Every structure is written in C-alpha cells, then in structure tokens.
Amino acid sequence: MKRILLFVATNLAIMVTLSIVLSVLGIDGYGGLQGQMLFALVWGMGGAFISLQMSRFVAKQAMGVQLVDGRTGQPDADWLYATVRQLTDRAGLPMPEVGIYESPEVNAFATGPSKSRSLVAVSSGLLRTMQRDEVEGVLAHEVAHIGNGDMVTMTLIQGVVNAFVIFFARVIASLLRNAVDERMSGAVYFMTVIVLQIVLGLLGSVVVAWFSRAREFRADAGAATLAGRGKMIAALQRLQQNTKMIEADHPALATLKISGSRSWMALLSTHPPLETRIAALQNAR
C-alpha cells in the first residue's frame, strides 16, 4: 500500500508540475502542429526527467532502503560500503549512496539523476544468499551502470518515445475529429487519443526494452573489467539458481534491478535471459 500511494503521489506531482509549466508557456495542445509538438515535448521529456530527478528518493522510500556509511559495526554492511568504494575508485566515479533493503529477493539496483547523485542498493536476501565474490560481481555491475550513464540514457530514450507517442496520438486524433460530425468530434478525439496512446505506447515500450537489454550487456562487460569476469559470471549463475526469489509484483522498478522477472512477452523484457548474459561473458575476448 505504501508503494502504491508513493507511486500515485509521485505521478500526481509530475502532472501538477507539468500542467503549471504548460499553463505558464500558454500551451494547451489543441493548436497547430507546433503547439502539439511543444505539448508532447513538455509532457514526454518533462515527465521522464522529473522522474529521473526523483528516482533516488522514490527508490529509497518505495524499497525501504536503509543507507550505510561503512561505520555501522555490522560486518556485511561495512564490507558492502567498502567494496562499493573500491569499485567506484577503480572506475573513477564519485562515491554513491549505499544501502540495504529488507527483502527475501536476490537482487540489487542502481539509480539516481547523475553520476554524482547515485544510489547502489542490495537486498538483504542477496547478502544472505551470495558469496562475497558474487556480491562483488553484482556491485560491479551496478557501478558500471552508473559509469555508463545508463539512468540518463534510458531517461532520454523514454522521454523521446513518450513525446512521439503523445504527438502522433494527438495528430491522428485531430485528423479523425475533423472527418466526423461536429457533434461527435469531441468524443472521437478523446477516445482516439486514449486508444492510440495505449497502442503506440506499447510499441514504444518495445524500443525502450531493446535499449535496456543492450545496456545490461554493457554493464556486464564493465563489471567484468572492474571485478573480474569470473566474479560476474558467478553472480549471474547464482541469480539463475534463485530466480524464484526475485519479486515480480513491482514491474515499475524492473529496470533498476540486475535481473528482471520472467515474462512471456520477451520483446518487453528489460533484461536479457541470464543464460544469454552468461554466454556473452564466457565468449568475450
């Protein structure tokens, strides 16, 4: 319930903020092509970037992440912090926030609006289940995501896709509205926009998911450089053994994690199959 309320509150805040921006700019989205383009750009890119700026806060609140500073007196927590510091130093990156969230799932994620304002968090289940070399492989993967700027890249891609979806849905709806009786034009426009945003949004998600899967291979390769190929392969093999312990009921957070839940809609999967990622590392030169 807390996660649902946080999700709703976050989206309401984004909607209010963007509505105020559009009002100040005098854009209503019902004008010509230029007005429609500006409307789509503000809603598409604006929503994505506001979400990015809030990502670290939202992730901590939604997942119940408890930050650690290396001085907790708890061996696992202090080792976790020290390992992230070693990996970020090796990668030439600023030290991110480091945290642990209570969950039986075997998982980790990295998020944040920039390399200097990032967060690396792992589940308590991961710390209990994995050997330290395997955890180091996971942490290296997340640090590689930060080093590659994946959060910003995915935000840009999602923003562009959102803008195109909004723009084309409204343009096509406007054409249909002009082709029907004036008494029905409002209803036709409204329904067409809704249907097209769903359909085009689904197609756009395929594009976003493809880029997301590509970034996972890059992060795996980066982790192999930072921590060693053997540790990254061992981490993925351990994840393979524990796929049932990865939560599947929070798809909104799937792209943050090292492994997504299995889905029959492979085109919409944000992560490649674990066996494919292992094979890519084993065959890398």
C-alpha atoms as a PDB file:
ATOM      1  CA  MET A   1       0.000   0.000   0.000  1.00  0.00           C
ATOM      2  CA  LYS A   2       2.858   2.388   0.821  1.00  0.00           C
ATOM      3  CA  ARG A   3       4.434   1.758  -2.590  1.00  0.00           C
ATOM      4  CA  ILE A   4       1.101   2.305  -4.363  1.00  0.00           C
ATOM      5  CA  LEU A   5       0.491   5.577  -2.524  1.00  0.00           C
ATOM      6  CA  LEU A   6       4.027   6.737  -3.272  1.00  0.00           C
ATOM      7  CA  PHE A   7       3.596   5.868  -6.964  1.00  0.00           C
ATOM      8  CA  VAL A   8       0.302   7.777  -7.155  1.00  0.00           C
ATOM      9  CA  ALA A   9       1.704  10.783  -5.265  1.00  0.00           C
ATOM     10  CA  THR A  10       4.791  10.914  -7.487  1.00  0.00           C
ATOM     11  CA  ASN A  11       2.745  10.857 -10.672  1.00  0.00           C
ATOM     12  CA  LEU A  12       0.320  13.468  -9.337  1.00  0.00           C
ATOM     13  CA  ALA A  13       3.271  15.725  -8.505  1.00  0.00           C
ATOM     14  CA  ILE A  14       4.632  15.298 -12.038  1.00  0.00           C
ATOM     15  CA  MET A  15       1.239  16.030 -13.587  1.00  0.00           C
ATOM     16  CA  VAL A  16       0.720  19.168 -11.488  1.00  0.00           C
ATOM     17  CA  THR A  17       4.234  20.427 -12.236  1.00  0.00           C
ATOM     18  CA  LEU A  18       3.913  19.899 -15.987  1.00  0.00           C
ATOM     19  CA  SER A  19       0.421  21.407 -16.045  1.00  0.00           C
ATOM     20  CA  ILE A  20       1.786  24.548 -14.389  1.00  0.00           C
ATOM     21  CA  VAL A  21       4.665  24.703 -16.896  1.00  0.00           C
ATOM     22  CA  LEU A  22       2.262  24.346 -19.831  1.00  0.00           C
ATOM     23  CA  SER A  23      -0.017  26.996 -18.372  1.00  0.00           C
ATOM     24  CA  VAL A  24       2.863  29.449 -17.931  1.00  0.00           C
ATOM     25  CA  LEU A  25       4.003  28.779 -21.501  1.00  0.00           C
ATOM     26  CA  GLY A  26       0.458  29.172 -22.793  1.00  0.00           C
ATOM     27  CA  ILE A  27       0.442  25.744 -24.460  1.00  0.00           C
ATOM     28  CA  ASP A  28      -2.838  23.813 -24.495  1.00  0.00           C
ATOM     29  CA  GLY A  29      -2.003  21.133 -27.069  1.00  0.00           C
ATOM     30  CA  TYR A  30      -5.038  21.869 -29.234  1.00  0.00           C
ATOM     31  CA  GLY A  31      -3.384  24.269 -31.664  1.00  0.00           C
ATOM     32  CA  GLY A  32      -1.482  23.559 -34.837  1.00  0.00           C
ATOM     33  CA  LEU A  33       1.405  21.183 -35.296  1.00  0.00           C
ATOM     34  CA  GLN A  34       3.815  23.480 -33.463  1.00  0.00           C
ATOM     35  CA  GLY A  35       1.561  23.622 -30.418  1.00  0.00           C
ATOM     36  CA  GLN A  36       1.084  19.865 -30.488  1.00  0.00           C
ATOM     37  CA  MET A  37       4.842  19.315 -30.725  1.00  0.00           C
ATOM     38  CA  LEU A  38       5.578  21.588 -27.767  1.00  0.00           C
ATOM     39  CA  PHE A  39       2.813  19.949 -25.740  1.00  0.00           C
ATOM     40  CA  ALA A  40       4.183  16.465 -26.490  1.00  0.00           C
ATOM     41  CA  LEU A  41       7.756  17.553 -25.769  1.00  0.00           C
ATOM     42  CA  VAL A  42       6.890  19.044 -22.375  1.00  0.00           C
ATOM     43  CA  TRP A  43       4.818  16.039 -21.290  1.00  0.00           C
ATOM     44  CA  GLY A  44       7.105  13.403 -22.781  1.00  0.00           C
ATOM     45  CA  MET A  45      10.540  14.715 -21.886  1.00  0.00           C
ATOM     46  CA  GLY A  46       9.429  16.681 -18.838  1.00  0.00           C
ATOM     47  CA  GLY A  47       7.778  13.705 -17.163  1.00  0.00           C
ATOM     48  CA  ALA A  48      10.792  11.489 -17.810  1.00  0.00           C
ATOM     49  CA  PHE A  49      13.300  13.989 -16.420  1.00  0.00           C
ATOM     50  CA  ILE A  50      11.251  14.834 -13.339  1.00  0.00           C
ATOM     51  CA  SER A  51      11.028  11.095 -12.646  1.00  0.00           C
ATOM     52  CA  LEU A  52      14.810  10.857 -13.036  1.00  0.00           C
ATOM     53  CA  GLN A  53      15.412  13.691 -10.585  1.00  0.00           C
ATOM     54  CA  MET A  54      13.128  11.995  -8.064  1.00  0.00           C
ATOM     55  CA  SER A  55      14.396   8.461  -8.732  1.00  0.00           C
ATOM     56  CA  ARG A  56      16.822   8.182  -5.836  1.00  0.00           C
ATOM     57  CA  PHE A  57      14.301   9.468  -3.279  1.00  0.00           C
ATOM     58  CA  VAL A  58      11.443   7.373  -4.671  1.00  0.00           C
ATOM     59  CA  ALA A  59      13.560   4.197  -4.776  1.00  0.00           C
ATOM     60  CA  LYS A  60      14.660   4.641  -1.158  1.00  0.00           C
ATOM     61  CA  GLN A  61      11.106   5.240   0.021  1.00  0.00           C
ATOM     62  CA  ALA A  62       9.480   2.539  -2.117  1.00  0.00           C
ATOM     63  CA  MET A  63      12.010  -0.172  -1.274  1.00  0.00           C
ATOM     64  CA  GLY A  64      12.656   0.901   2.315  1.00  0.00           C
ATOM     65  CA  VAL A  65      16.389   1.319   1.688  1.00  0.00           C
ATOM     66  CA  GLN A  66      18.499   1.890   4.798  1.00  0.00           C
ATOM     67  CA  LEU A  67      21.696   3.774   3.981  1.00  0.00           C
ATOM     68  CA  VAL A  68      25.034   2.555   5.352  1.00  0.00           C
ATOM     69  CA  ASP A  69      28.241   4.541   5.777  1.00  0.00           C
ATOM     70  CA  GLY A  70      30.874   1.899   6.484  1.00  0.00           C
ATOM     71  CA  ARG A  71      30.818   2.585  10.212  1.00  0.00           C
ATOM     72  CA  THR A  72      27.788   0.577  11.311  1.00  0.00           C
ATOM     73  CA  GLY A  73      29.757  -2.119  13.125  1.00  0.00           C
ATOM     74  CA  GLN A  74      27.862  -4.725  11.082  1.00  0.00           C
ATOM     75  CA  PRO A  75      30.386  -6.791   9.074  1.00  0.00           C
ATOM     76  CA  ASP A  76      28.237  -7.285   5.966  1.00  0.00           C
ATOM     77  CA  ALA A  77      27.060  -3.676   5.795  1.00  0.00           C
ATOM     78  CA  ASP A  78      30.534  -2.248   6.323  1.00  0.00           C
ATOM     79  CA  TRP A  79      32.047  -4.661   3.777  1.00  0.00           C
ATOM     80  CA  LEU A  80      29.340  -3.655   1.298  1.00  0.00           C
ATOM     81  CA  TYR A  81      30.184   0.024   1.661  1.00  0.00           C
ATOM     82  CA  ALA A  82      33.936  -0.582   1.430  1.00  0.00           C
ATOM     83  CA  THR A  83      33.515  -2.727  -1.707  1.00  0.00           C
ATOM     84  CA  VAL A  84      31.404  -0.093  -3.461  1.00  0.00           C
ATOM     85  CA  ARG A  85      34.062   2.486  -2.596  1.00  0.00           C
ATOM     86  CA  GLN A  86      36.815   0.296  -4.053  1.00  0.00           C
ATOM     87  CA  LEU A  87      34.845  -0.289  -7.255  1.00  0.00           C
ATOM     88  CA  THR A  88      33.937   3.365  -7.750  1.00  0.00           C
ATOM     89  CA  ASP A  89      37.539   4.407  -7.103  1.00  0.00           C
ATOM     90  CA  ARG A  90      38.631   1.855  -9.692  1.00  0.00           C
ATOM     91  CA  ALA A  91      36.067   3.244 -12.143  1.00  0.00           C
ATOM     92  CA  GLY A  92      36.996   6.867 -11.391  1.00  0.00           C
ATOM     93  CA  LEU A  93      33.492   7.692 -10.148  1.00  0.00           C
ATOM     94  CA  PRO A  94      32.182   9.701  -7.179  1.00  0.00           C
ATOM     95  CA  MET A  95      31.068   7.602  -4.211  1.00  0.00           C
ATOM     96  CA  PRO A  96      27.323   6.873  -4.450  1.00  0.00           C
ATOM     97  CA  GLU A  97      24.938   6.378  -1.570  1.00  0.00           C
ATOM     98  CA  VAL A  98      24.939   2.736  -0.484  1.00  0.00           C
ATOM     99  CA  GLY A  99      22.005   0.987   1.105  1.00  0.00           C
ATOM    100  CA  ILE A 100      20.322  -2.279   2.033  1.00  0.00           C
ATOM    101  CA  TYR A 101      16.616  -3.036   1.798  1.00  0.00           C
ATOM    102  CA  GLU A 102      14.866  -5.838   3.644  1.00  0.00           C
ATOM    103  CA  SER A 103      13.551  -8.422   1.203  1.00  0.00           C
ATOM    104  CA  PRO A 104      13.965 -12.149   0.556  1.00  0.00           C
ATOM    105  CA  GLU A 105      14.566 -11.423  -3.144  1.00  0.00           C
ATOM    106  CA  VAL A 106      18.081 -11.816  -4.508  1.00  0.00           C
ATOM    107  CA  ASN A 107      18.596  -8.511  -6.256  1.00  0.00           C
ATOM    108  CA  ALA A 108      20.279  -5.128  -6.434  1.00  0.00           C
ATOM    109  CA  PHE A 109      19.777  -1.853  -8.253  1.00  0.00           C
ATOM    110  CA  ALA A 110      21.413   1.437  -9.076  1.00  0.00           C
ATOM    111  CA  THR A 111      19.561   4.675  -9.674  1.00  0.00           C
ATOM    112  CA  GLY A 112      19.964   8.431  -9.461  1.00  0.00           C
ATOM    113  CA  PRO A 113      19.903  11.515 -11.690  1.00  0.00           C
ATOM    114  CA  SER A 114      23.668  11.709 -12.244  1.00  0.00           C
ATOM    115  CA  LYS A 115      26.992  10.028 -11.539  1.00  0.00           C
ATOM    116  CA  SER A 116      27.492  12.300  -8.525  1.00  0.00           C
ATOM    117  CA  ARG A 117      23.968  11.729  -7.135  1.00  0.00           C
ATOM    118  CA  SER A 118      23.508   7.995  -7.452  1.00  0.00           C
ATOM    119  CA  LEU A 119      22.441   5.137  -5.207  1.00  0.00           C
ATOM    120  CA  VAL A 120      23.500   1.487  -5.108  1.00  0.00           C
ATOM    121  CA  ALA A 121      21.272  -0.768  -3.028  1.00  0.00           C
ATOM    122  CA  VAL A 122      21.124  -4.503  -2.423  1.00  0.00           C
ATOM    123  CA  SER A 123      18.516  -6.709  -0.797  1.00  0.00           C
ATOM    124  CA  SER A 124      19.121  -8.477   2.479  1.00  0.00           C
ATOM    125  CA  GLY A 125      18.275 -11.683   0.586  1.00  0.00           C
ATOM    126  CA  LEU A 126      21.203 -11.106  -1.757  1.00  0.00           C
ATOM    127  CA  LEU A 127      23.625 -10.649   1.131  1.00  0.00           C
ATOM    128  CA  ARG A 128      22.358 -13.831   2.787  1.00  0.00           C
ATOM    129  CA  THR A 129      22.393 -15.948  -0.374  1.00  0.00           C
ATOM    130  CA  MET A 130      25.524 -14.927  -2.281  1.00  0.00           C
ATOM    131  CA  GLN A 131      29.188 -15.385  -1.547  1.00  0.00           C
ATOM    132  CA  ARG A 132      31.165 -12.165  -1.260  1.00  0.00           C
ATOM    133  CA  ASP A 133      32.892 -12.647  -4.625  1.00  0.00           C
ATOM    134  CA  GLU A 134      29.452 -12.989  -6.209  1.00  0.00           C
ATOM    135  CA  VAL A 135      28.152  -9.899  -4.417  1.00  0.00           C
ATOM    136  CA  GLU A 136      31.195  -8.006  -5.670  1.00  0.00           C
ATOM    137  CA  GLY A 137      30.248  -9.004  -9.217  1.00  0.00           C
ATOM    138  CA  VAL A 138      26.727  -7.660  -8.663  1.00  0.00           C
ATOM    139  CA  LEU A 139      28.046  -4.411  -7.203  1.00  0.00           C
ATOM    140  CA  ALA A 140      30.459  -4.000 -10.107  1.00  0.00           C
ATOM    141  CA  HIS A 141      27.517  -4.403 -12.490  1.00  0.00           C
ATOM    142  CA  GLU A 142      25.626  -1.611 -10.742  1.00  0.00           C
ATOM    143  CA  VAL A 143      28.688   0.644 -10.624  1.00  0.00           C
ATOM    144  CA  ALA A 144      29.119   0.018 -14.358  1.00  0.00           C
ATOM    145  CA  HIS A 145      25.540   1.201 -14.904  1.00  0.00           C
ATOM    146  CA  ILE A 146      26.436   4.440 -13.139  1.00  0.00           C
ATOM    147  CA  GLY A 147      29.675   4.811 -15.064  1.00  0.00           C
ATOM    148  CA  ASN A 148      27.881   4.238 -18.374  1.00  0.00           C
ATOM    149  CA  GLY A 149      25.304   6.913 -17.522  1.00  0.00           C
ATOM    150  CA  ASP A 150      22.539   4.386 -18.092  1.00  0.00           C
ATOM    151  CA  MET A 151      19.963   6.188 -15.941  1.00  0.00           C
ATOM    152  CA  VAL A 152      20.246   9.363 -18.014  1.00  0.00           C
ATOM    153  CA  THR A 153      20.408   7.443 -21.303  1.00  0.00           C
ATOM    154  CA  MET A 154      17.252   5.472 -20.531  1.00  0.00           C
ATOM    155  CA  THR A 155      15.504   8.670 -19.437  1.00  0.00           C
ATOM    156  CA  LEU A 156      16.358  10.351 -22.751  1.00  0.00           C
ATOM    157  CA  ILE A 157      15.122   7.338 -24.718  1.00  0.00           C
ATOM    158  CA  GLN A 158      11.940   7.071 -22.663  1.00  0.00           C
ATOM    159  CA  GLY A 159      11.332  10.805 -22.972  1.00  0.00           C
ATOM    160  CA  VAL A 160      11.720  10.778 -26.758  1.00  0.00           C
ATOM    161  CA  VAL A 161       9.408   7.763 -27.058  1.00  0.00           C
ATOM    162  CA  ASN A 162       6.833   9.413 -24.787  1.00  0.00           C
ATOM    163  CA  ALA A 163       6.936  12.616 -26.834  1.00  0.00           C
ATOM    164  CA  PHE A 164       6.447  10.764 -30.128  1.00  0.00           C
ATOM    165  CA  VAL A 165       3.572   8.722 -28.689  1.00  0.00           C
ATOM    166  CA  ILE A 166       1.774  11.802 -27.379  1.00  0.00           C
ATOM    167  CA  PHE A 167       2.390  13.801 -30.575  1.00  0.00           C
ATOM    168  CA  PHE A 168       1.266  11.170 -33.090  1.00  0.00           C
ATOM    169  CA  ALA A 169      -1.736  10.139 -30.983  1.00  0.00           C
ATOM    170  CA  ARG A 170      -2.995  13.728 -30.878  1.00  0.00           C
ATOM    171  CA  VAL A 171      -2.237  14.476 -34.539  1.00  0.00           C
ATOM    172  CA  ILE A 172      -4.055  11.363 -35.766  1.00  0.00           C
ATOM    173  CA  ALA A 173      -6.935  12.062 -33.380  1.00  0.00           C
ATOM    174  CA  SER A 174      -7.181  15.625 -34.731  1.00  0.00           C
ATOM    175  CA  LEU A 175      -7.446  14.308 -38.307  1.00  0.00           C
ATOM    176  CA  LEU A 176     -10.212  11.907 -37.323  1.00  0.00           C
ATOM    177  CA  ARG A 177     -12.039  14.615 -35.385  1.00  0.00           C
ATOM    178  CA  ASN A 178     -12.132  16.797 -38.494  1.00  0.00           C
ATOM    179  CA  ALA A 179     -13.541  13.896 -40.542  1.00  0.00           C
ATOM    180  CA  VAL A 180     -16.627  13.255 -38.386  1.00  0.00           C
ATOM    181  CA  ASP A 181     -19.765  15.157 -37.456  1.00  0.00           C
ATOM    182  CA  GLU A 182     -19.029  18.139 -35.226  1.00  0.00           C
ATOM    183  CA  ARG A 183     -21.363  16.801 -32.528  1.00  0.00           C
ATOM    184  CA  MET A 184     -19.227  13.665 -32.225  1.00  0.00           C
ATOM    185  CA  SER A 185     -15.825  15.265 -32.740  1.00  0.00           C
ATOM    186  CA  GLY A 186     -15.012  15.739 -29.055  1.00  0.00           C
ATOM    187  CA  ALA A 187     -15.777  12.139 -28.125  1.00  0.00           C
ATOM    188  CA  VAL A 188     -13.955  10.791 -31.197  1.00  0.00           C
ATOM    189  CA  TYR A 189     -10.871  12.864 -30.387  1.00  0.00           C
ATOM    190  CA  PHE A 190     -10.822  11.816 -26.735  1.00  0.00           C
ATOM    191  CA  MET A 191     -11.282   8.095 -27.411  1.00  0.00           C
ATOM    192  CA  THR A 192      -8.797   8.083 -30.291  1.00  0.00           C
ATOM    193  CA  VAL A 193      -6.102   9.718 -28.171  1.00  0.00           C
ATOM    194  CA  ILE A 194      -6.586   7.144 -25.399  1.00  0.00           C
ATOM    195  CA  VAL A 195      -6.523   4.131 -27.741  1.00  0.00           C
ATOM    196  CA  LEU A 196      -3.550   5.386 -29.770  1.00  0.00           C
ATOM    197  CA  GLN A 197      -1.509   6.267 -26.684  1.00  0.00           C
ATOM    198  CA  ILE A 198      -2.027   2.710 -25.427  1.00  0.00           C
ATOM    199  CA  VAL A 199      -1.141   1.105 -28.765  1.00  0.00           C
ATOM    200  CA  LEU A 200       1.742   3.432 -29.636  1.00  0.00           C
ATOM    201  CA  GLY A 201       2.965   3.310 -26.043  1.00  0.00           C
ATOM    202  CA  LEU A 202       3.154  -0.483 -26.249  1.00  0.00           C
ATOM    203  CA  LEU A 203       5.163  -0.266 -29.463  1.00  0.00           C
ATOM    204  CA  GLY A 204       7.391   2.366 -27.874  1.00  0.00           C
ATOM    205  CA  SER A 205       7.977   0.081 -24.908  1.00  0.00           C
ATOM    206  CA  VAL A 206       9.466  -2.497 -27.277  1.00  0.00           C
ATOM    207  CA  VAL A 207      12.052   0.087 -28.360  1.00  0.00           C
ATOM    208  CA  VAL A 208      12.819   1.122 -24.779  1.00  0.00           C
ATOM    209  CA  ALA A 209      13.125  -2.512 -23.678  1.00  0.00           C
ATOM    210  CA  TRP A 210      15.564  -3.231 -26.529  1.00  0.00           C
ATOM    211  CA  PHE A 211      17.844  -0.400 -25.382  1.00  0.00           C
ATOM    212  CA  SER A 212      17.510  -1.607 -21.788  1.00  0.00           C
ATOM    213  CA  ARG A 213      18.633  -5.113 -22.724  1.00  0.00           C
ATOM    214  CA  ALA A 214      21.600  -3.675 -24.624  1.00  0.00           C
ATOM    215  CA  ARG A 215      22.696  -1.690 -21.573  1.00  0.00           C
ATOM    216  CA  GLU A 216      22.717  -4.883 -19.485  1.00  0.00           C
ATOM    217  CA  PHE A 217      25.339  -6.471 -21.733  1.00  0.00           C
ATOM    218  CA  ARG A 218      27.440  -3.300 -21.456  1.00  0.00           C
ATOM    219  CA  ALA A 219      27.118  -3.281 -17.666  1.00  0.00           C
ATOM    220  CA  ASP A 220      28.093  -6.962 -17.513  1.00  0.00           C
ATOM    221  CA  ALA A 221      31.206  -6.216 -19.590  1.00  0.00           C
ATOM    222  CA  GLY A 222      32.010  -3.249 -17.364  1.00  0.00           C
ATOM    223  CA  ALA A 223      31.614  -5.400 -14.260  1.00  0.00           C
ATOM    224  CA  ALA A 224      33.983  -7.983 -15.725  1.00  0.00           C
ATOM    225  CA  THR A 225      36.579  -5.229 -16.111  1.00  0.00           C
ATOM    226  CA  LEU A 226      36.066  -3.828 -12.609  1.00  0.00           C
ATOM    227  CA  ALA A 227      35.747  -7.036 -10.581  1.00  0.00           C
ATOM    228  CA  GLY A 228      36.844  -9.801 -12.907  1.00  0.00           C
ATOM    229  CA  ARG A 229      34.934 -11.892 -15.418  1.00  0.00           C
ATOM    230  CA  GLY A 230      34.776 -14.897 -13.088  1.00  0.00           C
ATOM    231  CA  LYS A 231      33.016 -12.945 -10.334  1.00  0.00           C
ATOM    232  CA  MET A 232      30.406 -11.547 -12.737  1.00  0.00           C
ATOM    233  CA  ILE A 233      29.717 -14.971 -14.246  1.00  0.00           C
ATOM    234  CA  ALA A 234      29.457 -16.492 -10.767  1.00  0.00           C
ATOM    235  CA  ALA A 235      26.986 -13.762  -9.752  1.00  0.00           C
ATOM    236  CA  LEU A 236      24.764 -14.412 -12.773  1.00  0.00           C
ATOM    237  CA  GLN A 237      24.908 -18.169 -12.198  1.00  0.00           C
ATOM    238  CA  ARG A 238      23.836 -17.652  -8.592  1.00  0.00           C
ATOM    239  CA  LEU A 239      20.968 -15.455  -9.788  1.00  0.00           C
ATOM    240  CA  GLN A 240      19.955 -18.247 -12.141  1.00  0.00           C
ATOM    241  CA  GLN A 241      19.610 -20.541  -9.147  1.00  0.00           C
ATOM    242  CA  ASN A 242      17.466 -18.008  -7.296  1.00  0.00           C
ATOM    243  CA  THR A 243      15.140 -16.603  -9.962  1.00  0.00           C
ATOM    244  CA  LYS A 244      12.108 -17.617  -7.914  1.00  0.00           C
ATOM    245  CA  MET A 245      13.308 -15.278  -5.173  1.00  0.00           C
ATOM    246  CA  ILE A 246      13.156 -12.194  -7.407  1.00  0.00           C
ATOM    247  CA  GLU A 247       9.992 -10.170  -6.805  1.00  0.00           C
ATOM    248  CA  ALA A 248       7.716  -9.900  -9.832  1.00  0.00           C
ATOM    249  CA  ASP A 249       4.976  -7.709  -8.356  1.00  0.00           C
ATOM    250  CA  HIS A 250       6.689  -4.329  -8.887  1.00  0.00           C
ATOM    251  CA  PRO A 251       7.303  -4.017 -12.650  1.00  0.00           C
ATOM    252  CA  ALA A 252       7.809  -0.251 -12.350  1.00  0.00           C
ATOM    253  CA  LEU A 253      11.127  -0.958 -10.622  1.00  0.00           C
ATOM    254  CA  ALA A 254      12.226  -3.700 -13.009  1.00  0.00           C
ATOM    255  CA  THR A 255      14.708  -1.579 -14.943  1.00  0.00           C
ATOM    256  CA  LEU A 256      16.517  -0.698 -11.713  1.00  0.00           C
ATOM    257  CA  LYS A 257      17.416  -4.274 -10.946  1.00  0.00           C
ATOM    258  CA  ILE A 258      20.169  -6.612 -12.016  1.00  0.00           C
ATOM    259  CA  SER A 259      17.642  -9.225 -13.142  1.00  0.00           C
ATOM    260  CA  GLY A 260      14.051  -8.772 -14.168  1.00  0.00           C
ATOM    261  CA  SER A 261      11.162 -11.140 -13.660  1.00  0.00           C
ATOM    262  CA  ARG A 262      10.492 -13.698 -16.354  1.00  0.00           C
ATOM    263  CA  SER A 263       7.854 -12.730 -18.894  1.00  0.00           C
ATOM    264  CA  TRP A 264       6.249 -14.429 -21.852  1.00  0.00           C
ATOM    265  CA  MET A 265       6.440 -11.113 -23.681  1.00  0.00           C
ATOM    266  CA  ALA A 266      10.169 -11.247 -24.371  1.00  0.00           C
ATOM    267  CA  LEU A 267      10.091  -8.094 -26.508  1.00  0.00           C
ATOM    268  CA  LEU A 268       9.037  -6.077 -23.463  1.00  0.00           C
ATOM    269  CA  SER A 269      11.636  -7.591 -21.137  1.00  0.00           C
ATOM    270  CA  THR A 270      14.100  -5.025 -19.797  1.00  0.00           C
ATOM    271  CA  HIS A 271      16.755  -7.689 -19.147  1.00  0.00           C
ATOM    272  CA  PRO A 272      18.132 -10.439 -21.415  1.00  0.00           C
ATOM    273  CA  PRO A 273      17.852 -14.050 -20.205  1.00  0.00           C
ATOM    274  CA  LEU A 274      20.525 -14.848 -17.636  1.00  0.00           C
ATOM    275  CA  GLU A 275      21.862 -17.723 -19.717  1.00  0.00           C
ATOM    276  CA  THR A 276      22.397 -15.345 -22.650  1.00  0.00           C
ATOM    277  CA  ARG A 277      24.293 -12.893 -20.464  1.00  0.00           C
ATOM    278  CA  ILE A 278      26.476 -15.676 -19.049  1.00  0.00           C
ATOM    279  CA  ALA A 279      27.249 -16.954 -22.541  1.00  0.00           C
ATOM    280  CA  ALA A 280      28.182 -13.433 -23.697  1.00  0.00           C
ATOM    281  CA  LEU A 281      30.690 -13.106 -20.859  1.00  0.00           C
ATOM    282  CA  GLN A 282      32.116 -16.578 -21.407  1.00  0.00           C
ATOM    283  CA  ASN A 283      32.594 -15.905 -25.119  1.00  0.00           C
ATOM    284  CA  ALA A 284      34.040 -12.407 -24.683  1.00  0.00           C
ATOM    285  CA  ARG A 285      37.651 -11.897 -25.690  1.00  0.00           C
END
